Amino acid sequence: MAVVVTVEIPGGTQEMYERTNDRITSASWFPPPGFIAHSAGPDGTGGWRVIDFWESEEAFQAFLRLAVPIFQEAGMPPVVPKISPLSNVVVP
């Protein structure tokens, strides 16, 4: 079942996001299996929000195993993703 993953990063900045995103998207394993779409931007409270769409929670968890070391090296604070099931995802 497809899922939406929402990550709130208190104090996160565009610079931090772009540095991390550049490393992820240039990794040899990108795009990871099960990845559908990604979006990110300011959360309106001085932090950063990431919203991803995945084919399954298992696909997202497999991505995390690859991505967490990059997040840690970039100095990203620990976060707890919110994972919610979806009944439909439409992409062009």
C-alpha atoms as a PDB file:
ATOM      1  CA  MET A   1       0.000   0.000   0.000  1.00  0.00           C
ATOM      2  CA  ALA A   2       1.295   3.454  -0.903  1.00  0.00           C
ATOM      3  CA  VAL A   3       2.220   5.790   1.946  1.00  0.00           C
ATOM      4  CA  VAL A   4       2.854   9.473   2.484  1.00  0.00           C
ATOM      5  CA  VAL A   5       5.784  10.291   4.757  1.00  0.00           C
ATOM      6  CA  THR A   6       5.863  13.663   6.493  1.00  0.00           C
ATOM      7  CA  VAL A   7       8.994  14.844   8.275  1.00  0.00           C
ATOM      8  CA  GLU A   8       9.054  18.025  10.343  1.00  0.00           C
ATOM      9  CA  ILE A   9      12.568  19.394  10.963  1.00  0.00           C
ATOM     10  CA  PRO A  10      12.457  22.081  13.675  1.00  0.00           C
ATOM     11  CA  GLY A  11      15.136  24.659  12.945  1.00  0.00           C
ATOM     12  CA  GLY A  12      15.819  23.075   9.565  1.00  0.00           C
ATOM     13  CA  THR A  13      17.012  25.446   6.852  1.00  0.00           C
ATOM     14  CA  GLN A  14      16.971  25.507   3.084  1.00  0.00           C
ATOM     15  CA  GLU A  15      20.779  25.338   3.081  1.00  0.00           C
ATOM     16  CA  MET A  16      20.750  22.217   5.275  1.00  0.00           C
ATOM     17  CA  TYR A  17      18.060  20.648   3.111  1.00  0.00           C
ATOM     18  CA  GLU A  18      19.809  21.421  -0.181  1.00  0.00           C
ATOM     19  CA  ARG A  19      23.161  20.103   1.074  1.00  0.00           C
ATOM     20  CA  THR A  20      21.534  16.856   2.193  1.00  0.00           C
ATOM     21  CA  ASN A  21      19.301  16.547  -0.874  1.00  0.00           C
ATOM     22  CA  ASP A  22      22.285  17.015  -3.209  1.00  0.00           C
ATOM     23  CA  ARG A  23      24.092  14.126  -1.504  1.00  0.00           C
ATOM     24  CA  ILE A  24      21.023  11.876  -1.613  1.00  0.00           C
ATOM     25  CA  THR A  25      20.195  12.555  -5.268  1.00  0.00           C
ATOM     26  CA  SER A  26      23.809  12.027  -6.337  1.00  0.00           C
ATOM     27  CA  ALA A  27      24.099   8.677  -4.526  1.00  0.00           C
ATOM     28  CA  SER A  28      24.620   5.659  -6.776  1.00  0.00           C
ATOM     29  CA  TRP A  29      21.419   4.068  -5.411  1.00  0.00           C
ATOM     30  CA  PHE A  30      19.159   7.053  -6.232  1.00  0.00           C
ATOM     31  CA  PRO A  31      16.319   6.848  -7.070  1.00  0.00           C
ATOM     32  CA  PRO A  32      15.628   4.075  -4.572  1.00  0.00           C
ATOM     33  CA  PRO A  33      13.108   1.326  -5.317  1.00  0.00           C
ATOM     34  CA  GLY A  34       9.556   2.323  -4.417  1.00  0.00           C
ATOM     35  CA  PHE A  35      10.168   6.084  -4.532  1.00  0.00           C
ATOM     36  CA  ILE A  36       7.268   8.000  -6.113  1.00  0.00           C
ATOM     37  CA  ALA A  37       7.673  11.715  -5.384  1.00  0.00           C
ATOM     38  CA  HIS A  38       9.346  14.224  -3.062  1.00  0.00           C
ATOM     39  CA  SER A  39       8.546  17.754  -1.939  1.00  0.00           C
ATOM     40  CA  ALA A  40      10.064  20.070   0.649  1.00  0.00           C
ATOM     41  CA  GLY A  41       9.840  23.619   1.895  1.00  0.00           C
ATOM     42  CA  PRO A  42       9.577  25.935   4.886  1.00  0.00           C
ATOM     43  CA  ASP A  43       7.003  24.847   7.470  1.00  0.00           C
ATOM     44  CA  GLY A  44       5.916  28.374   8.454  1.00  0.00           C
ATOM     45  CA  THR A  45       7.367  28.123  11.968  1.00  0.00           C
ATOM     46  CA  GLY A  46      11.064  28.533  11.192  1.00  0.00           C
ATOM     47  CA  GLY A  47      11.697  24.904  10.327  1.00  0.00           C
ATOM     48  CA  TRP A  48      11.559  22.676   7.267  1.00  0.00           C
ATOM     49  CA  ARG A  49       8.991  20.115   6.106  1.00  0.00           C
ATOM     50  CA  VAL A  50       9.556  17.158   3.789  1.00  0.00           C
ATOM     51  CA  ILE A  51       6.688  15.201   2.248  1.00  0.00           C
ATOM     52  CA  ASP A  52       7.454  12.037   0.284  1.00  0.00           C
ATOM     53  CA  PHE A  53       5.301   9.463  -1.454  1.00  0.00           C
ATOM     54  CA  TRP A  54       6.382   5.808  -1.469  1.00  0.00           C
ATOM     55  CA  GLU A  55       4.965   2.597  -2.911  1.00  0.00           C
ATOM     56  CA  SER A  56       5.088   1.041   0.564  1.00  0.00           C
ATOM     57  CA  GLU A  57       6.326   1.608   4.096  1.00  0.00           C
ATOM     58  CA  GLU A  58       8.885  -1.143   3.506  1.00  0.00           C
ATOM     59  CA  ALA A  59      10.328   0.782   0.545  1.00  0.00           C
ATOM     60  CA  PHE A  60      10.624   3.892   2.715  1.00  0.00           C
ATOM     61  CA  GLN A  61      12.327   1.942   5.520  1.00  0.00           C
ATOM     62  CA  ALA A  62      14.835   0.504   3.012  1.00  0.00           C
ATOM     63  CA  PHE A  63      15.576   4.061   1.846  1.00  0.00           C
ATOM     64  CA  LEU A  64      16.155   5.161   5.435  1.00  0.00           C
ATOM     65  CA  ARG A  65      18.805   2.487   5.923  1.00  0.00           C
ATOM     66  CA  LEU A  66      20.749   4.105   3.073  1.00  0.00           C
ATOM     67  CA  ALA A  67      19.937   7.745   3.850  1.00  0.00           C
ATOM     68  CA  VAL A  68      20.337   8.010   7.647  1.00  0.00           C
ATOM     69  CA  PRO A  69      24.167   8.047   7.480  1.00  0.00           C
ATOM     70  CA  ILE A  70      23.943  10.947   5.014  1.00  0.00           C
ATOM     71  CA  PHE A  71      21.488  12.779   7.294  1.00  0.00           C
ATOM     72  CA  GLN A  72      23.807  12.297  10.247  1.00  0.00           C
ATOM     73  CA  GLU A  73      26.907  13.449   8.356  1.00  0.00           C
ATOM     74  CA  ALA A  74      25.021  16.576   7.248  1.00  0.00           C
ATOM     75  CA  GLY A  75      24.177  17.433  10.853  1.00  0.00           C
ATOM     76  CA  MET A  76      20.436  16.918  10.494  1.00  0.00           C
ATOM     77  CA  PRO A  77      18.687  16.635  13.858  1.00  0.00           C
ATOM     78  CA  PRO A  78      17.001  13.303  14.649  1.00  0.00           C
ATOM     79  CA  VAL A  79      13.375  13.296  13.505  1.00  0.00           C
ATOM     80  CA  VAL A  80      10.448  10.900  13.643  1.00  0.00           C
ATOM     81  CA  PRO A  81       8.722  10.491  10.274  1.00  0.00           C
ATOM     82  CA  LYS A  82       4.934  10.337  10.265  1.00  0.00           C
ATOM     83  CA  ILE A  83       3.844   7.529   7.924  1.00  0.00           C
ATOM     84  CA  SER A  84       0.240   7.386   6.730  1.00  0.00           C
ATOM     85  CA  PRO A  85      -1.413   4.940   4.310  1.00  0.00           C
ATOM     86  CA  LEU A  86      -2.876   6.217   1.060  1.00  0.00           C
ATOM     87  CA  SER A  87      -5.655   4.863  -1.082  1.00  0.00           C
ATOM     88  CA  ASN A  88      -4.491   6.712  -4.196  1.00  0.00           C
ATOM     89  CA  VAL A  89      -1.520   8.618  -5.603  1.00  0.00           C
ATOM     90  CA  VAL A  90      -1.757  10.353  -8.966  1.00  0.00           C
ATOM     91  CA  VAL A  91       1.341  11.554 -10.797  1.00  0.00           C
ATOM     92  CA  PRO A  92       1.502  12.773 -14.394  1.00  0.00           C
END
